[in-house]
Amino acid sequence: MIKQESRKPRIQKRHQTIRTKVFGTSEFPRLAVYRSTKHIYAQLIDDEKGVTIASASSVDKDMKEKMAHGGNIEAAKLIGTAIAEKAKKAGIECVVFDRGGFLYHGRIAALADAAREAGLMF
């Protein structure tokens, strides 16, 4: 029997490769996305100062009431619109998208599309 390799080291390696190219500033913060099996998280990060500007996740109390389950595409769309609204309140229109080593597919793509529809540019 062959031992199955975990996906986590491959995701981490991919994320390190992405992070060498993606850098957030105060004008263009980094929209970092993380997904687990049960939840999805998004945050705007200014890498120059090392500060999180805004965040939204399916764990937040106000978001939990709006969704039945945090690990599906509908939840990702809600989080995408929520992070875009928080970015607009902070005066941010353009961001740099950091998919966090995950493939741009499914929940990651749904979050990005919802954020674009809500007014974020990337």
PDB file of N, CA and C in Angstrom:
ATOM      1  N   MET A   1       0.838  -1.181   0.000  1.00  0.00           N
ATOM      2  CA  MET A   1       0.000   0.000   0.000  1.00  0.00           C
ATOM      3  C   MET A   1       0.883   1.243   0.000  1.00  0.00           C
ATOM      4  N   ILE A   2       0.564   2.192  -0.863  1.00  0.00           N
ATOM      5  CA  ILE A   2       1.340   3.417  -0.997  1.00  0.00           C
ATOM      6  C   ILE A   2       0.753   4.487  -0.087  1.00  0.00           C
ATOM      7  N   LYS A   3       1.642   5.139   0.651  1.00  0.00           N
ATOM      8  CA  LYS A   3       1.199   6.206   1.544  1.00  0.00           C
ATOM      9  C   LYS A   3       0.856   7.441   0.723  1.00  0.00           C
ATOM     10  N   GLN A   4      -0.322   8.011   0.986  1.00  0.00           N
ATOM     11  CA  GLN A   4      -0.742   9.198   0.259  1.00  0.00           C
ATOM     12  C   GLN A   4      -0.052  10.434   0.793  1.00  0.00           C
ATOM     13  N   GLU A   5       0.377  11.274  -0.121  1.00  0.00           N
ATOM     14  CA  GLU A   5       1.028  12.520   0.249  1.00  0.00           C
ATOM     15  C   GLU A   5      -0.028  13.570   0.612  1.00  0.00           C
ATOM     16  N   SER A   6       0.255  14.331   1.645  1.00  0.00           N
ATOM     17  CA  SER A   6      -0.665  15.385   2.060  1.00  0.00           C
ATOM     18  C   SER A   6      -0.607  16.549   1.077  1.00  0.00           C
ATOM     19  N   ARG A   7      -1.731  17.247   0.911  1.00  0.00           N
ATOM     20  CA  ARG A   7      -1.782  18.396   0.012  1.00  0.00           C
ATOM     21  C   ARG A   7      -1.202  19.646   0.646  1.00  0.00           C
ATOM     22  N   LYS A   8      -1.171  19.687   1.957  1.00  0.00           N
ATOM     23  CA  LYS A   8      -0.756  20.911   2.650  1.00  0.00           C
ATOM     24  C   LYS A   8       0.656  21.379   2.273  1.00  0.00           C
ATOM     25  N   PRO A   9       1.666  20.504   2.208  1.00  0.00           N
ATOM     26  CA  PRO A   9       2.995  21.006   1.808  1.00  0.00           C
ATOM     27  C   PRO A   9       3.012  21.584   0.392  1.00  0.00           C
ATOM     28  N   ARG A  10       2.232  21.013  -0.499  1.00  0.00           N
ATOM     29  CA  ARG A  10       2.186  21.543  -1.864  1.00  0.00           C
ATOM     30  C   ARG A  10       1.524  22.914  -1.883  1.00  0.00           C
ATOM     31  N   ILE A  11       0.466  23.095  -1.086  1.00  0.00           N
ATOM     32  CA  ILE A  11      -0.215  24.391  -1.008  1.00  0.00           C
ATOM     33  C   ILE A  11       0.720  25.433  -0.413  1.00  0.00           C
ATOM     34  N   GLN A  12       1.458  25.057   0.630  1.00  0.00           N
ATOM     35  CA  GLN A  12       2.379  25.994   1.268  1.00  0.00           C
ATOM     36  C   GLN A  12       3.500  26.402   0.308  1.00  0.00           C
ATOM     37  N   LYS A  13       4.006  25.463  -0.465  1.00  0.00           N
ATOM     38  CA  LYS A  13       5.065  25.774  -1.425  1.00  0.00           C
ATOM     39  C   LYS A  13       4.534  26.714  -2.503  1.00  0.00           C
ATOM     40  N   ARG A  14       3.339  26.444  -2.989  1.00  0.00           N
ATOM     41  CA  ARG A  14       2.715  27.296  -3.995  1.00  0.00           C
ATOM     42  C   ARG A  14       2.491  28.699  -3.434  1.00  0.00           C
ATOM     43  N   HIS A  15       2.066  28.772  -2.170  1.00  0.00           N
ATOM     44  CA  HIS A  15       1.828  30.071  -1.534  1.00  0.00           C
ATOM     45  C   HIS A  15       3.123  30.862  -1.407  1.00  0.00           C
ATOM     46  N   GLN A  16       4.223  30.220  -1.056  1.00  0.00           N
ATOM     47  CA  GLN A  16       5.513  30.908  -0.956  1.00  0.00           C
ATOM     48  C   GLN A  16       5.937  31.452  -2.312  1.00  0.00           C
ATOM     49  N   THR A  17       5.684  30.719  -3.379  1.00  0.00           N
ATOM     50  CA  THR A  17       6.015  31.187  -4.720  1.00  0.00           C
ATOM     51  C   THR A  17       5.187  32.416  -5.075  1.00  0.00           C
ATOM     52  N   ILE A  18       3.919  32.371  -4.732  1.00  0.00           N
ATOM     53  CA  ILE A  18       3.032  33.505  -5.011  1.00  0.00           C
ATOM     54  C   ILE A  18       3.456  34.723  -4.207  1.00  0.00           C
ATOM     55  N   ARG A  19       3.828  34.525  -2.946  1.00  0.00           N
ATOM     56  CA  ARG A  19       4.163  35.642  -2.060  1.00  0.00           C
ATOM     57  C   ARG A  19       5.439  36.357  -2.467  1.00  0.00           C
ATOM     58  N   THR A  20       6.313  35.715  -3.262  1.00  0.00           N
ATOM     59  CA  THR A  20       7.496  36.427  -3.749  1.00  0.00           C
ATOM     60  C   THR A  20       7.105  37.481  -4.772  1.00  0.00           C
ATOM     61  N   LYS A  21       5.951  37.295  -5.429  1.00  0.00           N
ATOM     62  CA  LYS A  21       5.511  38.219  -6.471  1.00  0.00           C
ATOM     63  C   LYS A  21       4.427  39.174  -6.002  1.00  0.00           C
ATOM     64  N   VAL A  22       3.624  38.776  -5.024  1.00  0.00           N
ATOM     65  CA  VAL A  22       2.480  39.573  -4.582  1.00  0.00           C
ATOM     66  C   VAL A  22       2.852  40.300  -3.295  1.00  0.00           C
ATOM     67  N   PHE A  23       2.689  41.631  -3.319  1.00  0.00           N
ATOM     68  CA  PHE A  23       3.028  42.450  -2.157  1.00  0.00           C
ATOM     69  C   PHE A  23       1.993  43.557  -2.037  1.00  0.00           C
ATOM     70  N   GLY A  24       1.440  43.737  -0.853  1.00  0.00           N
ATOM     71  CA  GLY A  24       0.415  44.751  -0.634  1.00  0.00           C
ATOM     72  C   GLY A  24       0.993  46.031  -0.071  1.00  0.00           C
ATOM     73  N   THR A  25       0.500  47.163  -0.573  1.00  0.00           N
ATOM     74  CA  THR A  25       0.888  48.472  -0.062  1.00  0.00           C
ATOM     75  C   THR A  25      -0.350  49.148   0.522  1.00  0.00           C
ATOM     76  N   SER A  26      -0.191  50.365   1.008  1.00  0.00           N
ATOM     77  CA  SER A  26      -1.345  51.063   1.567  1.00  0.00           C
ATOM     78  C   SER A  26      -2.316  51.492   0.466  1.00  0.00           C
ATOM     79  N   GLU A  27      -1.816  51.772  -0.746  1.00  0.00           N
ATOM     80  CA  GLU A  27      -2.693  52.121  -1.860  1.00  0.00           C
ATOM     81  C   GLU A  27      -3.345  50.880  -2.461  1.00  0.00           C
ATOM     82  N   PHE A  28      -2.562  49.800  -2.571  1.00  0.00           N
ATOM     83  CA  PHE A  28      -3.043  48.540  -3.133  1.00  0.00           C
ATOM     84  C   PHE A  28      -2.790  47.415  -2.127  1.00  0.00           C
ATOM     85  N   PRO A  29      -3.665  47.244  -1.149  1.00  0.00           N
ATOM     86  CA  PRO A  29      -3.443  46.179  -0.164  1.00  0.00           C
ATOM     87  C   PRO A  29      -3.649  44.792  -0.777  1.00  0.00           C
ATOM     88  N   ARG A  30      -3.125  43.816  -0.111  1.00  0.00           N
ATOM     89  CA  ARG A  30      -3.228  42.431  -0.571  1.00  0.00           C
ATOM     90  C   ARG A  30      -4.513  41.819  -0.024  1.00  0.00           C
ATOM     91  N   LEU A  31      -5.319  41.270  -0.910  1.00  0.00           N
ATOM     92  CA  LEU A  31      -6.535  40.562  -0.513  1.00  0.00           C
ATOM     93  C   LEU A  31      -6.160  39.090  -0.379  1.00  0.00           C
ATOM     94  N   ALA A  32      -5.882  38.671   0.851  1.00  0.00           N
ATOM     95  CA  ALA A  32      -5.452  37.302   1.129  1.00  0.00           C
ATOM     96  C   ALA A  32      -6.668  36.438   1.433  1.00  0.00           C
ATOM     97  N   VAL A  33      -6.723  35.273   0.809  1.00  0.00           N
ATOM     98  CA  VAL A  33      -7.855  34.359   0.967  1.00  0.00           C
ATOM     99  C   VAL A  33      -7.346  33.039   1.514  1.00  0.00           C
ATOM    100  N   TYR A  34      -8.067  32.509   2.501  1.00  0.00           N
ATOM    101  CA  TYR A  34      -7.772  31.182   3.040  1.00  0.00           C
ATOM    102  C   TYR A  34      -9.071  30.406   3.111  1.00  0.00           C
ATOM    103  N   ARG A  35      -9.023  29.160   2.742  1.00  0.00           N
ATOM    104  CA  ARG A  35     -10.220  28.327   2.839  1.00  0.00           C
ATOM    105  C   ARG A  35      -9.885  27.035   3.559  1.00  0.00           C
ATOM    106  N   SER A  36     -10.802  26.629   4.405  1.00  0.00           N
ATOM    107  CA  SER A  36     -10.728  25.319   5.031  1.00  0.00           C
ATOM    108  C   SER A  36     -11.949  24.546   4.571  1.00  0.00           C
ATOM    109  N   THR A  37     -12.136  23.360   5.075  1.00  0.00           N
ATOM    110  CA  THR A  37     -13.280  22.573   4.631  1.00  0.00           C
ATOM    111  C   THR A  37     -14.598  23.161   5.132  1.00  0.00           C
ATOM    112  N   LYS A  38     -14.568  23.828   6.280  1.00  0.00           N
ATOM    113  CA  LYS A  38     -15.799  24.340   6.873  1.00  0.00           C
ATOM    114  C   LYS A  38     -15.995  25.846   6.723  1.00  0.00           C
ATOM    115  N   HIS A  39     -14.917  26.600   6.481  1.00  0.00           N
ATOM    116  CA  HIS A  39     -15.019  28.063   6.480  1.00  0.00           C
ATOM    117  C   HIS A  39     -14.143  28.671   5.404  1.00  0.00           C
ATOM    118  N   ILE A  40     -14.360  29.959   5.167  1.00  0.00           N
ATOM    119  CA  ILE A  40     -13.535  30.732   4.235  1.00  0.00           C
ATOM    120  C   ILE A  40     -13.244  32.090   4.877  1.00  0.00           C
ATOM    121  N   TYR A  41     -12.031  32.583   4.671  1.00  0.00           N
ATOM    122  CA  TYR A  41     -11.563  33.810   5.311  1.00  0.00           C
ATOM    123  C   TYR A  41     -10.949  34.722   4.253  1.00  0.00           C
ATOM    124  N   ALA A  42     -11.125  36.028   4.406  1.00  0.00           N
ATOM    125  CA  ALA A  42     -10.508  37.011   3.518  1.00  0.00           C
ATOM    126  C   ALA A  42     -10.078  38.205   4.355  1.00  0.00           C
ATOM    127  N   GLN A  43      -8.901  38.742   4.031  1.00  0.00           N
ATOM    128  CA  GLN A  43      -8.453  39.939   4.742  1.00  0.00           C
ATOM    129  C   GLN A  43      -7.618  40.817   3.819  1.00  0.00           C
ATOM    130  N   LEU A  44      -7.703  42.113   4.082  1.00  0.00           N
ATOM    131  CA  LEU A  44      -6.907  43.097   3.355  1.00  0.00           C
ATOM    132  C   LEU A  44      -5.692  43.435   4.198  1.00  0.00           C
ATOM    133  N   ILE A  45      -4.503  43.260   3.618  1.00  0.00           N
ATOM    134  CA  ILE A  45      -3.269  43.401   4.384  1.00  0.00           C
ATOM    135  C   ILE A  45      -2.359  44.434   3.727  1.00  0.00           C
ATOM    136  N   ASP A  46      -1.837  45.348   4.542  1.00  0.00           N
ATOM    137  CA  ASP A  46      -0.804  46.285   4.114  1.00  0.00           C
ATOM    138  C   ASP A  46       0.524  45.673   4.550  1.00  0.00           C
ATOM    139  N   ASP A  47       1.288  45.130   3.596  1.00  0.00           N
ATOM    140  CA  ASP A  47       2.536  44.444   3.926  1.00  0.00           C
ATOM    141  C   ASP A  47       3.658  45.400   4.305  1.00  0.00           C
ATOM    142  N   GLU A  48       3.586  46.654   3.876  1.00  0.00           N
ATOM    143  CA  GLU A  48       4.610  47.622   4.257  1.00  0.00           C
ATOM    144  C   GLU A  48       4.593  47.872   5.760  1.00  0.00           C
ATOM    145  N   LYS A  49       3.393  48.017   6.323  1.00  0.00           N
ATOM    146  CA  LYS A  49       3.245  48.269   7.750  1.00  0.00           C
ATOM    147  C   LYS A  49       3.018  46.991   8.542  1.00  0.00           C
ATOM    148  N   GLY A  50       2.656  45.911   7.873  1.00  0.00           N
ATOM    149  CA  GLY A  50       2.351  44.658   8.556  1.00  0.00           C
ATOM    150  C   GLY A  50       1.037  44.724   9.313  1.00  0.00           C
ATOM    151  N   VAL A  51       0.026  45.359   8.698  1.00  0.00           N
ATOM    152  CA  VAL A  51      -1.238  45.616   9.364  1.00  0.00           C
ATOM    153  C   VAL A  51      -2.381  45.041   8.535  1.00  0.00           C
ATOM    154  N   THR A  52      -3.349  44.445   9.227  1.00  0.00           N
ATOM    155  CA  THR A  52      -4.582  44.021   8.575  1.00  0.00           C
ATOM    156  C   THR A  52      -5.555  45.194   8.582  1.00  0.00           C
ATOM    157  N   ILE A  53      -6.005  45.599   7.405  1.00  0.00           N
ATOM    158  CA  ILE A  53      -6.891  46.750   7.269  1.00  0.00           C
ATOM    159  C   ILE A  53      -8.337  46.353   7.530  1.00  0.00           C
ATOM    160  N   ALA A  54      -8.772  45.247   6.930  1.00  0.00           N
ATOM    161  CA  ALA A  54     -10.145  44.771   7.098  1.00  0.00           C
ATOM    162  C   ALA A  54     -10.160  43.261   6.910  1.00  0.00           C
ATOM    163  N   SER A  55     -11.157  42.625   7.510  1.00  0.00           N
ATOM    164  CA  SER A  55     -11.273  41.178   7.343  1.00  0.00           C
ATOM    165  C   SER A  55     -12.737  40.770   7.364  1.00  0.00           C
ATOM    166  N   ALA A  56     -13.001  39.632   6.744  1.00  0.00           N
ATOM    167  CA  ALA A  56     -14.338  39.047   6.743  1.00  0.00           C
ATOM    168  C   ALA A  56     -14.172  37.536   6.676  1.00  0.00           C
ATOM    169  N   SER A  57     -15.016  36.826   7.391  1.00  0.00           N
ATOM    170  CA  SER A  57     -14.944  35.372   7.358  1.00  0.00           C
ATOM    171  C   SER A  57     -16.308  34.772   7.651  1.00  0.00           C
ATOM    172  N   SER A  58     -16.429  33.497   7.366  1.00  0.00           N
ATOM    173  CA  SER A  58     -17.686  32.803   7.617  1.00  0.00           C
ATOM    174  C   SER A  58     -17.843  32.464   9.096  1.00  0.00           C
ATOM    175  N   VAL A  59     -16.858  32.812   9.905  1.00  0.00           N
ATOM    176  CA  VAL A  59     -16.915  32.578  11.345  1.00  0.00           C
ATOM    177  C   VAL A  59     -17.547  33.766  12.075  1.00  0.00           C
ATOM    178  N   ASP A  60     -17.531  34.942  11.444  1.00  0.00           N
ATOM    179  CA  ASP A  60     -18.103  36.145  12.056  1.00  0.00           C
ATOM    180  C   ASP A  60     -19.570  35.928  12.404  1.00  0.00           C
ATOM    181  N   LYS A  61     -19.987  36.497  13.532  1.00  0.00           N
ATOM    182  CA  LYS A  61     -21.360  36.295  14.009  1.00  0.00           C
ATOM    183  C   LYS A  61     -22.398  36.801  13.018  1.00  0.00           C
ATOM    184  N   ASP A  62     -22.175  37.997  12.466  1.00  0.00           N
ATOM    185  CA  ASP A  62     -23.165  38.551  11.531  1.00  0.00           C
ATOM    186  C   ASP A  62     -23.232  37.756  10.232  1.00  0.00           C
ATOM    187  N   MET A  63     -22.136  37.124   9.843  1.00  0.00           N
ATOM    188  CA  MET A  63     -22.123  36.300   8.625  1.00  0.00           C
ATOM    189  C   MET A  63     -22.745  34.926   8.868  1.00  0.00           C
ATOM    190  N   LYS A  64     -22.551  34.385  10.051  1.00  0.00           N
ATOM    191  CA  LYS A  64     -23.113  33.066  10.366  1.00  0.00           C
ATOM    192  C   LYS A  64     -24.628  33.053  10.249  1.00  0.00           C
ATOM    193  N   GLU A  65     -25.248  34.193  10.594  1.00  0.00           N
ATOM    194  CA  GLU A  65     -26.703  34.272  10.522  1.00  0.00           C
ATOM    195  C   GLU A  65     -27.198  34.249   9.080  1.00  0.00           C
ATOM    196  N   LYS A  66     -26.392  34.736   8.141  1.00  0.00           N
ATOM    197  CA  LYS A  66     -26.804  34.831   6.745  1.00  0.00           C
ATOM    198  C   LYS A  66     -26.627  33.531   5.973  1.00  0.00           C
ATOM    199  N   MET A  67     -25.802  32.604   6.471  1.00  0.00           N
ATOM    200  CA  MET A  67     -25.504  31.394   5.715  1.00  0.00           C
ATOM    201  C   MET A  67     -25.749  30.144   6.544  1.00  0.00           C
ATOM    202  N   ALA A  68     -26.077  29.066   5.852  1.00  0.00           N
ATOM    203  CA  ALA A  68     -26.317  27.797   6.529  1.00  0.00           C
ATOM    204  C   ALA A  68     -25.009  27.076   6.812  1.00  0.00           C
ATOM    205  N   HIS A  69     -24.080  27.147   5.851  1.00  0.00           N
ATOM    206  CA  HIS A  69     -22.796  26.446   5.988  1.00  0.00           C
ATOM    207  C   HIS A  69     -21.708  27.359   5.444  1.00  0.00           C
ATOM    208  N   GLY A  70     -20.583  27.416   6.109  1.00  0.00           N
ATOM    209  CA  GLY A  70     -19.513  28.326   5.713  1.00  0.00           C
ATOM    210  C   GLY A  70     -18.560  27.786   4.686  1.00  0.00           C
ATOM    211  N   GLY A  71     -18.695  26.532   4.297  1.00  0.00           N
ATOM    212  CA  GLY A  71     -17.742  25.933   3.372  1.00  0.00           C
ATOM    213  C   GLY A  71     -18.298  25.671   1.997  1.00  0.00           C
ATOM    214  N   ASN A  72     -19.157  26.577   1.491  1.00  0.00           N
ATOM    215  CA  ASN A  72     -19.689  26.374   0.149  1.00  0.00           C
ATOM    216  C   ASN A  72     -19.558  27.655  -0.675  1.00  0.00           C
ATOM    217  N   ILE A  73     -19.962  27.587  -1.929  1.00  0.00           N
ATOM    218  CA  ILE A  73     -19.793  28.710  -2.848  1.00  0.00           C
ATOM    219  C   ILE A  73     -20.663  29.896  -2.448  1.00  0.00           C
ATOM    220  N   GLU A  74     -21.854  29.648  -1.939  1.00  0.00           N
ATOM    221  CA  GLU A  74     -22.718  30.752  -1.512  1.00  0.00           C
ATOM    222  C   GLU A  74     -22.070  31.548  -0.385  1.00  0.00           C
ATOM    223  N   ALA A  75     -21.427  30.857   0.548  1.00  0.00           N
ATOM    224  CA  ALA A  75     -20.719  31.531   1.640  1.00  0.00           C
ATOM    225  C   ALA A  75     -19.557  32.344   1.093  1.00  0.00           C
ATOM    226  N   ALA A  76     -18.842  31.806   0.117  1.00  0.00           N
ATOM    227  CA  ALA A  76     -17.715  32.525  -0.478  1.00  0.00           C
ATOM    228  C   ALA A  76     -18.188  33.804  -1.155  1.00  0.00           C
ATOM    229  N   LYS A  77     -19.339  33.760  -1.808  1.00  0.00           N
ATOM    230  CA  LYS A  77     -19.885  34.956  -2.449  1.00  0.00           C
ATOM    231  C   LYS A  77     -20.242  36.014  -1.408  1.00  0.00           C
ATOM    232  N   LEU A  78     -20.831  35.592  -0.293  1.00  0.00           N
ATOM    233  CA  LEU A  78     -21.169  36.540   0.771  1.00  0.00           C
ATOM    234  C   LEU A  78     -19.921  37.190   1.365  1.00  0.00           C
ATOM    235  N   ILE A  79     -18.880  36.392   1.564  1.00  0.00           N
ATOM    236  CA  ILE A  79     -17.629  36.917   2.119  1.00  0.00           C
ATOM    237  C   ILE A  79     -16.980  37.875   1.130  1.00  0.00           C
ATOM    238  N   GLY A  80     -17.052  37.573  -0.164  1.00  0.00           N
ATOM    239  CA  GLY A  80     -16.504  38.464  -1.189  1.00  0.00           C
ATOM    240  C   GLY A  80     -17.172  39.825  -1.195  1.00  0.00           C
ATOM    241  N   THR A  81     -18.500  39.837  -1.097  1.00  0.00           N
ATOM    242  CA  THR A  81     -19.201  41.121  -1.057  1.00  0.00           C
ATOM    243  C   THR A  81     -18.933  41.858   0.258  1.00  0.00           C
ATOM    244  N   ALA A  82     -18.820  41.115   1.353  1.00  0.00           N
ATOM    245  CA  ALA A  82     -18.558  41.743   2.656  1.00  0.00           C
ATOM    246  C   ALA A  82     -17.179  42.394   2.693  1.00  0.00           C
ATOM    247  N   ILE A  83     -16.160  41.723   2.149  1.00  0.00           N
ATOM    248  CA  ILE A  83     -14.813  42.297   2.183  1.00  0.00           C
ATOM    249  C   ILE A  83     -14.742  43.506   1.248  1.00  0.00           C
ATOM    250  N   ALA A  84     -15.490  43.489   0.151  1.00  0.00           N
ATOM    251  CA  ALA A  84     -15.512  44.639  -0.757  1.00  0.00           C
ATOM    252  C   ALA A  84     -16.174  45.843  -0.086  1.00  0.00           C
ATOM    253  N   GLU A  85     -17.249  45.624   0.661  1.00  0.00           N
ATOM    254  CA  GLU A  85     -17.915  46.712   1.367  1.00  0.00           C
ATOM    255  C   GLU A  85     -17.002  47.304   2.442  1.00  0.00           C
ATOM    256  N   LYS A  86     -16.290  46.430   3.169  1.00  0.00           N
ATOM    257  CA  LYS A  86     -15.369  46.920   4.199  1.00  0.00           C
ATOM    258  C   LYS A  86     -14.209  47.689   3.569  1.00  0.00           C
ATOM    259  N   ALA A  87     -13.770  47.261   2.395  1.00  0.00           N
ATOM    260  CA  ALA A  87     -12.688  47.957   1.701  1.00  0.00           C
ATOM    261  C   ALA A  87     -13.143  49.347   1.268  1.00  0.00           C
ATOM    262  N   LYS A  88     -14.364  49.441   0.775  1.00  0.00           N
ATOM    263  CA  LYS A  88     -14.886  50.747   0.358  1.00  0.00           C
ATOM    264  C   LYS A  88     -15.006  51.695   1.543  1.00  0.00           C
ATOM    265  N   LYS A  89     -15.415  51.168   2.709  1.00  0.00           N
ATOM    266  CA  LYS A  89     -15.497  52.000   3.913  1.00  0.00           C
ATOM    267  C   LYS A  89     -14.116  52.510   4.320  1.00  0.00           C
ATOM    268  N   ALA A  90     -13.082  51.691   4.069  1.00  0.00           N
ATOM    269  CA  ALA A  90     -11.714  52.083   4.400  1.00  0.00           C
ATOM    270  C   ALA A  90     -11.087  52.948   3.310  1.00  0.00           C
ATOM    271  N   GLY A  91     -11.822  53.202   2.233  1.00  0.00           N
ATOM    272  CA  GLY A  91     -11.313  54.056   1.161  1.00  0.00           C
ATOM    273  C   GLY A  91     -10.424  53.332   0.171  1.00  0.00           C
ATOM    274  N   ILE A  92     -10.616  52.039   0.008  1.00  0.00           N
ATOM    275  CA  ILE A  92      -9.784  51.230  -0.888  1.00  0.00           C
ATOM    276  C   ILE A  92     -10.630  50.772  -2.070  1.00  0.00           C
ATOM    277  N   GLU A  93     -10.102  51.005  -3.281  1.00  0.00           N
ATOM    278  CA  GLU A  93     -10.812  50.576  -4.487  1.00  0.00           C
ATOM    279  C   GLU A  93     -10.074  49.469  -5.229  1.00  0.00           C
ATOM    280  N   CYS A  94      -8.746  49.492  -5.183  1.00  0.00           N
ATOM    281  CA  CYS A  94      -7.938  48.514  -5.914  1.00  0.00           C
ATOM    282  C   CYS A  94      -7.137  47.667  -4.934  1.00  0.00           C
ATOM    283  N   VAL A  95      -7.062  46.371  -5.196  1.00  0.00           N
ATOM    284  CA  VAL A  95      -6.309  45.453  -4.349  1.00  0.00           C
ATOM    285  C   VAL A  95      -5.468  44.529  -5.221  1.00  0.00           C
ATOM    286  N   VAL A  96      -4.566  43.803  -4.572  1.00  0.00           N
ATOM    287  CA  VAL A  96      -3.781  42.752  -5.211  1.00  0.00           C
ATOM    288  C   VAL A  96      -4.303  41.438  -4.654  1.00  0.00           C
ATOM    289  N   PHE A  97      -4.723  40.536  -5.521  1.00  0.00           N
ATOM    290  CA  PHE A  97      -5.360  39.297  -5.083  1.00  0.00           C
ATOM    291  C   PHE A  97      -4.307  38.241  -4.778  1.00  0.00           C
ATOM    292  N   ASP A  98      -4.402  37.651  -3.579  1.00  0.00           N
ATOM    293  CA  ASP A  98      -3.509  36.575  -3.142  1.00  0.00           C
ATOM    294  C   ASP A  98      -4.370  35.356  -2.864  1.00  0.00           C
ATOM    295  N   ARG A  99      -4.297  34.380  -3.747  1.00  0.00           N
ATOM    296  CA  ARG A  99      -5.152  33.204  -3.611  1.00  0.00           C
ATOM    297  C   ARG A  99      -4.635  32.215  -2.577  1.00  0.00           C
ATOM    298  N   GLY A 100      -3.523  32.515  -1.962  1.00  0.00           N
ATOM    299  CA  GLY A 100      -3.025  31.726  -0.838  1.00  0.00           C
ATOM    300  C   GLY A 100      -2.568  30.328  -1.177  1.00  0.00           C
ATOM    301  N   GLY A 101      -2.148  30.095  -2.414  1.00  0.00           N
ATOM    302  CA  GLY A 101      -1.682  28.767  -2.801  1.00  0.00           C
ATOM    303  C   GLY A 101      -2.791  27.855  -3.281  1.00  0.00           C
ATOM    304  N   PHE A 102      -4.031  28.285  -3.138  1.00  0.00           N
ATOM    305  CA  PHE A 102      -5.159  27.482  -3.602  1.00  0.00           C
ATOM    306  C   PHE A 102      -5.395  27.760  -5.081  1.00  0.00           C
ATOM    307  N   LEU A 103      -5.923  26.783  -5.786  1.00  0.00           N
ATOM    308  CA  LEU A 103      -6.212  26.961  -7.195  1.00  0.00           C
ATOM    309  C   LEU A 103      -7.345  27.964  -7.365  1.00  0.00           C
ATOM    310  N   TYR A 104      -7.269  28.761  -8.417  1.00  0.00           N
ATOM    311  CA  TYR A 104      -8.306  29.756  -8.699  1.00  0.00           C
ATOM    312  C   TYR A 104      -9.489  29.020  -9.318  1.00  0.00           C
ATOM    313  N   HIS A 105     -10.291  28.432  -8.446  1.00  0.00           N
ATOM    314  CA  HIS A 105     -11.400  27.588  -8.872  1.00  0.00           C
ATOM    315  C   HIS A 105     -12.369  27.455  -7.710  1.00  0.00           C
ATOM    316  N   GLY A 106     -13.632  27.254  -7.987  1.00  0.00           N
ATOM    317  CA  GLY A 106     -14.609  26.991  -6.942  1.00  0.00           C
ATOM    318  C   GLY A 106     -14.821  28.163  -6.011  1.00  0.00           C
ATOM    319  N   ARG A 107     -14.587  27.938  -4.725  1.00  0.00           N
ATOM    320  CA  ARG A 107     -14.858  28.964  -3.713  1.00  0.00           C
ATOM    321  C   ARG A 107     -13.943  30.168  -3.827  1.00  0.00           C
ATOM    322  N   ILE A 108     -12.686  29.951  -4.213  1.00  0.00           N
ATOM    323  CA  ILE A 108     -11.745  31.063  -4.357  1.00  0.00           C
ATOM    324  C   ILE A 108     -12.191  31.969  -5.505  1.00  0.00           C
ATOM    325  N   ALA A 109     -12.556  31.372  -6.627  1.00  0.00           N
ATOM    326  CA  ALA A 109     -13.020  32.145  -7.777  1.00  0.00           C
ATOM    327  C   ALA A 109     -14.344  32.833  -7.474  1.00  0.00           C
ATOM    328  N   ALA A 110     -15.238  32.174  -6.736  1.00  0.00           N
ATOM    329  CA  ALA A 110     -16.528  32.771  -6.385  1.00  0.00           C
ATOM    330  C   ALA A 110     -16.338  33.994  -5.496  1.00  0.00           C
ATOM    331  N   LEU A 111     -15.416  33.908  -4.529  1.00  0.00           N
ATOM    332  CA  LEU A 111     -15.125  35.046  -3.659  1.00  0.00           C
ATOM    333  C   LEU A 111     -14.565  36.206  -4.476  1.00  0.00           C
ATOM    334  N   ALA A 112     -13.633  35.916  -5.378  1.00  0.00           N
ATOM    335  CA  ALA A 112     -13.022  36.961  -6.194  1.00  0.00           C
ATOM    336  C   ALA A 112     -14.047  37.623  -7.106  1.00  0.00           C
ATOM    337  N   ASP A 113     -14.903  36.835  -7.735  1.00  0.00           N
ATOM    338  CA  ASP A 113     -15.922  37.384  -8.631  1.00  0.00           C
ATOM    339  C   ASP A 113     -16.925  38.247  -7.866  1.00  0.00           C
ATOM    340  N   ALA A 114     -17.315  37.802  -6.676  1.00  0.00           N
ATOM    341  CA  ALA A 114     -18.257  38.577  -5.861  1.00  0.00           C
ATOM    342  C   ALA A 114     -17.631  39.891  -5.415  1.00  0.00           C
ATOM    343  N   ALA A 115     -16.345  39.878  -5.078  1.00  0.00           N
ATOM    344  CA  ALA A 115     -15.659  41.107  -4.675  1.00  0.00           C
ATOM    345  C   ALA A 115     -15.567  42.076  -5.850  1.00  0.00           C
ATOM    346  N   ARG A 116     -15.326  41.549  -7.047  1.00  0.00           N
ATOM    347  CA  ARG A 116     -15.280  42.403  -8.236  1.00  0.00           C
ATOM    348  C   ARG A 116     -16.650  43.013  -8.521  1.00  0.00           C
ATOM    349  N   GLU A 117     -17.703  42.214  -8.398  1.00  0.00           N
ATOM    350  CA  GLU A 117     -19.048  42.713  -8.659  1.00  0.00           C
ATOM    351  C   GLU A 117     -19.451  43.780  -7.646  1.00  0.00           C
ATOM    352  N   ALA A 118     -18.915  43.665  -6.424  1.00  0.00           N
ATOM    353  CA  ALA A 118     -19.230  44.643  -5.377  1.00  0.00           C
ATOM    354  C   ALA A 118     -18.399  45.910  -5.497  1.00  0.00           C
ATOM    355  N   GLY A 119     -17.452  45.965  -6.442  1.00  0.00           N
ATOM    356  CA  GLY A 119     -16.733  47.204  -6.689  1.00  0.00           C
ATOM    357  C   GLY A 119     -15.231  47.181  -6.508  1.00  0.00           C
ATOM    358  N   LEU A 120     -14.641  46.091  -6.033  1.00  0.00           N
ATOM    359  CA  LEU A 120     -13.183  46.041  -5.912  1.00  0.00           C
ATOM    360  C   LEU A 120     -12.566  45.789  -7.281  1.00  0.00           C
ATOM    361  N   MET A 121     -11.427  46.414  -7.520  1.00  0.00           N
ATOM    362  CA  MET A 121     -10.725  46.222  -8.795  1.00  0.00           C
ATOM    363  C   MET A 121      -9.435  45.472  -8.559  1.00  0.00           C
ATOM    364  N   PHE A 122      -9.262  44.364  -9.300  1.00  0.00           N
ATOM    365  CA  PHE A 122      -8.013  43.608  -9.318  1.00  0.00           C
ATOM    366  C   PHE A 122      -7.977  42.700 -10.509  1.00  0.00           C
TER     367      PHE A 122
END
